[in-house]
Amino acid sequence: MINSNNLELSKSEQRLFSSHIKKADIERKQQQWHKAEGYYRAALVISPQHPLANTFLAQMLYRQGSDEEAVDLFEAVIIAAPDFPLCHR
């Protein structure tokens, strides 16, 4: 199930996850899609079901032409976290 709850992560895992997300966001804002994708994937190794990381990864994949994988991720977030607002944009 995709959820945004990182309560099951240790403090060090939470810090590493946040670090990957911050780096991904910087690359995304600079339109460095491939670099951002790598950081989102690294974050998802730590918290595979995180809806925000999955949504942004799907956006990076879409921007790089990996439409099918992007759609699969968007659908997974919508199904598992229907109240998560970003996946409905």
C-alpha atoms as a PDB file:
ATOM      1  CA  MET A   1       0.000   0.000   0.000  1.00  0.00           C
ATOM      2  CA  ILE A   2       1.256   3.449  -0.844  1.00  0.00           C
ATOM      3  CA  ASN A   3       1.172   5.806   2.099  1.00  0.00           C
ATOM      4  CA  SER A   4       2.990   8.915   3.230  1.00  0.00           C
ATOM      5  CA  ASN A   5       3.643   7.597   6.707  1.00  0.00           C
ATOM      6  CA  ASN A   6       7.354   7.178   7.401  1.00  0.00           C
ATOM      7  CA  LEU A   7       6.802   6.182  11.033  1.00  0.00           C
ATOM      8  CA  GLU A   8       8.299   2.743  10.412  1.00  0.00           C
ATOM      9  CA  LEU A   9      11.595   4.315   9.326  1.00  0.00           C
ATOM     10  CA  SER A  10      14.468   4.901  11.728  1.00  0.00           C
ATOM     11  CA  LYS A  11      15.673   8.459  12.281  1.00  0.00           C
ATOM     12  CA  SER A  12      18.680   7.869  10.023  1.00  0.00           C
ATOM     13  CA  GLU A  13      16.445   6.418   7.296  1.00  0.00           C
ATOM     14  CA  GLN A  14      14.129   9.433   7.591  1.00  0.00           C
ATOM     15  CA  ARG A  15      17.098  11.799   7.223  1.00  0.00           C
ATOM     16  CA  LEU A  16      18.444   9.905   4.208  1.00  0.00           C
ATOM     17  CA  PHE A  17      14.983   9.784   2.620  1.00  0.00           C
ATOM     18  CA  SER A  18      14.553  13.546   3.132  1.00  0.00           C
ATOM     19  CA  SER A  19      18.008  14.207   1.712  1.00  0.00           C
ATOM     20  CA  HIS A  20      17.206  12.258  -1.456  1.00  0.00           C
ATOM     21  CA  ILE A  21      13.879  14.077  -1.848  1.00  0.00           C
ATOM     22  CA  LYS A  22      15.508  17.501  -1.388  1.00  0.00           C
ATOM     23  CA  LYS A  23      18.204  16.695  -3.964  1.00  0.00           C
ATOM     24  CA  ALA A  24      15.572  15.357  -6.366  1.00  0.00           C
ATOM     25  CA  ASP A  25      13.508  18.520  -5.965  1.00  0.00           C
ATOM     26  CA  ILE A  26      16.520  20.691  -6.780  1.00  0.00           C
ATOM     27  CA  GLU A  27      17.239  18.686  -9.937  1.00  0.00           C
ATOM     28  CA  ARG A  28      13.552  18.706 -10.901  1.00  0.00           C
ATOM     29  CA  LYS A  29      13.361  22.483 -10.595  1.00  0.00           C
ATOM     30  CA  GLN A  30      16.430  22.745 -12.830  1.00  0.00           C
ATOM     31  CA  GLN A  31      14.743  20.410 -15.333  1.00  0.00           C
ATOM     32  CA  GLN A  32      17.395  17.757 -14.811  1.00  0.00           C
ATOM     33  CA  TRP A  33      14.836  14.968 -15.156  1.00  0.00           C
ATOM     34  CA  HIS A  34      17.274  12.037 -15.260  1.00  0.00           C
ATOM     35  CA  LYS A  35      19.157  13.209 -12.153  1.00  0.00           C
ATOM     36  CA  ALA A  36      15.904  13.854 -10.306  1.00  0.00           C
ATOM     37  CA  GLU A  37      14.679  10.398 -11.295  1.00  0.00           C
ATOM     38  CA  GLY A  38      17.768   8.853  -9.693  1.00  0.00           C
ATOM     39  CA  TYR A  39      17.227  10.665  -6.411  1.00  0.00           C
ATOM     40  CA  TYR A  40      13.514   9.776  -6.316  1.00  0.00           C
ATOM     41  CA  ARG A  41      14.394   6.141  -6.979  1.00  0.00           C
ATOM     42  CA  ALA A  42      16.959   6.268  -4.160  1.00  0.00           C
ATOM     43  CA  ALA A  43      14.311   7.673  -1.811  1.00  0.00           C
ATOM     44  CA  LEU A  44      11.906   4.910  -2.852  1.00  0.00           C
ATOM     45  CA  VAL A  45      14.458   2.257  -1.908  1.00  0.00           C
ATOM     46  CA  ILE A  46      14.044   3.543   1.642  1.00  0.00           C
ATOM     47  CA  SER A  47      10.259   4.089   1.531  1.00  0.00           C
ATOM     48  CA  PRO A  48       8.898   2.284  -1.555  1.00  0.00           C
ATOM     49  CA  GLN A  49       5.277   3.231  -1.039  1.00  0.00           C
ATOM     50  CA  HIS A  50       5.674   6.966  -0.406  1.00  0.00           C
ATOM     51  CA  PRO A  51       3.020   8.727  -2.569  1.00  0.00           C
ATOM     52  CA  LEU A  52       4.901  11.999  -3.053  1.00  0.00           C
ATOM     53  CA  ALA A  53       8.105  10.297  -4.184  1.00  0.00           C
ATOM     54  CA  ASN A  54       6.137   7.968  -6.473  1.00  0.00           C
ATOM     55  CA  THR A  55       4.172  10.869  -7.955  1.00  0.00           C
ATOM     56  CA  PHE A  56       7.267  12.932  -8.679  1.00  0.00           C
ATOM     57  CA  LEU A  57       9.072   9.881 -10.081  1.00  0.00           C
ATOM     58  CA  ALA A  58       6.112   9.334 -12.400  1.00  0.00           C
ATOM     59  CA  GLN A  59       6.377  12.966 -13.527  1.00  0.00           C
ATOM     60  CA  MET A  60      10.107  12.549 -14.267  1.00  0.00           C
ATOM     61  CA  LEU A  61       9.432   9.387 -16.246  1.00  0.00           C
ATOM     62  CA  TYR A  62       6.693  11.092 -18.225  1.00  0.00           C
ATOM     63  CA  ARG A  63       8.977  14.034 -19.062  1.00  0.00           C
ATOM     64  CA  GLN A  64      11.575  11.566 -20.330  1.00  0.00           C
ATOM     65  CA  GLY A  65       9.085   9.724 -22.545  1.00  0.00           C
ATOM     66  CA  SER A  66       8.509   6.655 -20.340  1.00  0.00           C
ATOM     67  CA  ASP A  67       4.760   7.137 -20.526  1.00  0.00           C
ATOM     68  CA  GLU A  68       3.709   3.567 -19.704  1.00  0.00           C
ATOM     69  CA  GLU A  69       5.787   3.357 -16.529  1.00  0.00           C
ATOM     70  CA  ALA A  70       4.637   6.849 -15.519  1.00  0.00           C
ATOM     71  CA  VAL A  71       0.966   5.958 -15.966  1.00  0.00           C
ATOM     72  CA  ASP A  72       1.449   2.752 -13.948  1.00  0.00           C
ATOM     73  CA  LEU A  73       2.925   4.753 -11.064  1.00  0.00           C
ATOM     74  CA  PHE A  74       0.212   7.423 -11.198  1.00  0.00           C
ATOM     75  CA  GLU A  75      -2.471   4.712 -11.167  1.00  0.00           C
ATOM     76  CA  ALA A  76      -0.808   2.937  -8.226  1.00  0.00           C
ATOM     77  CA  VAL A  77      -0.807   6.153  -6.187  1.00  0.00           C
ATOM     78  CA  ILE A  78      -4.439   6.935  -7.078  1.00  0.00           C
ATOM     79  CA  ILE A  79      -5.559   3.439  -6.101  1.00  0.00           C
ATOM     80  CA  ALA A  80      -3.549   3.192  -2.887  1.00  0.00           C
ATOM     81  CA  ALA A  81      -3.842   6.815  -1.744  1.00  0.00           C
ATOM     82  CA  PRO A  82      -7.011   8.250  -3.323  1.00  0.00           C
ATOM     83  CA  ASP A  83      -6.963  11.270  -0.998  1.00  0.00           C
ATOM     84  CA  PHE A  84      -3.416  12.230  -1.972  1.00  0.00           C
ATOM     85  CA  PRO A  85      -4.030  15.506  -3.873  1.00  0.00           C
ATOM     86  CA  LEU A  86      -0.951  15.661  -6.109  1.00  0.00           C
ATOM     87  CA  CYS A  87      -1.796  12.494  -7.997  1.00  0.00           C
ATOM     88  CA  HIS A  88      -5.051  14.058  -9.236  1.00  0.00           C
ATOM     89  CA  ARG A  89      -3.466  16.989 -11.095  1.00  0.00           C
END
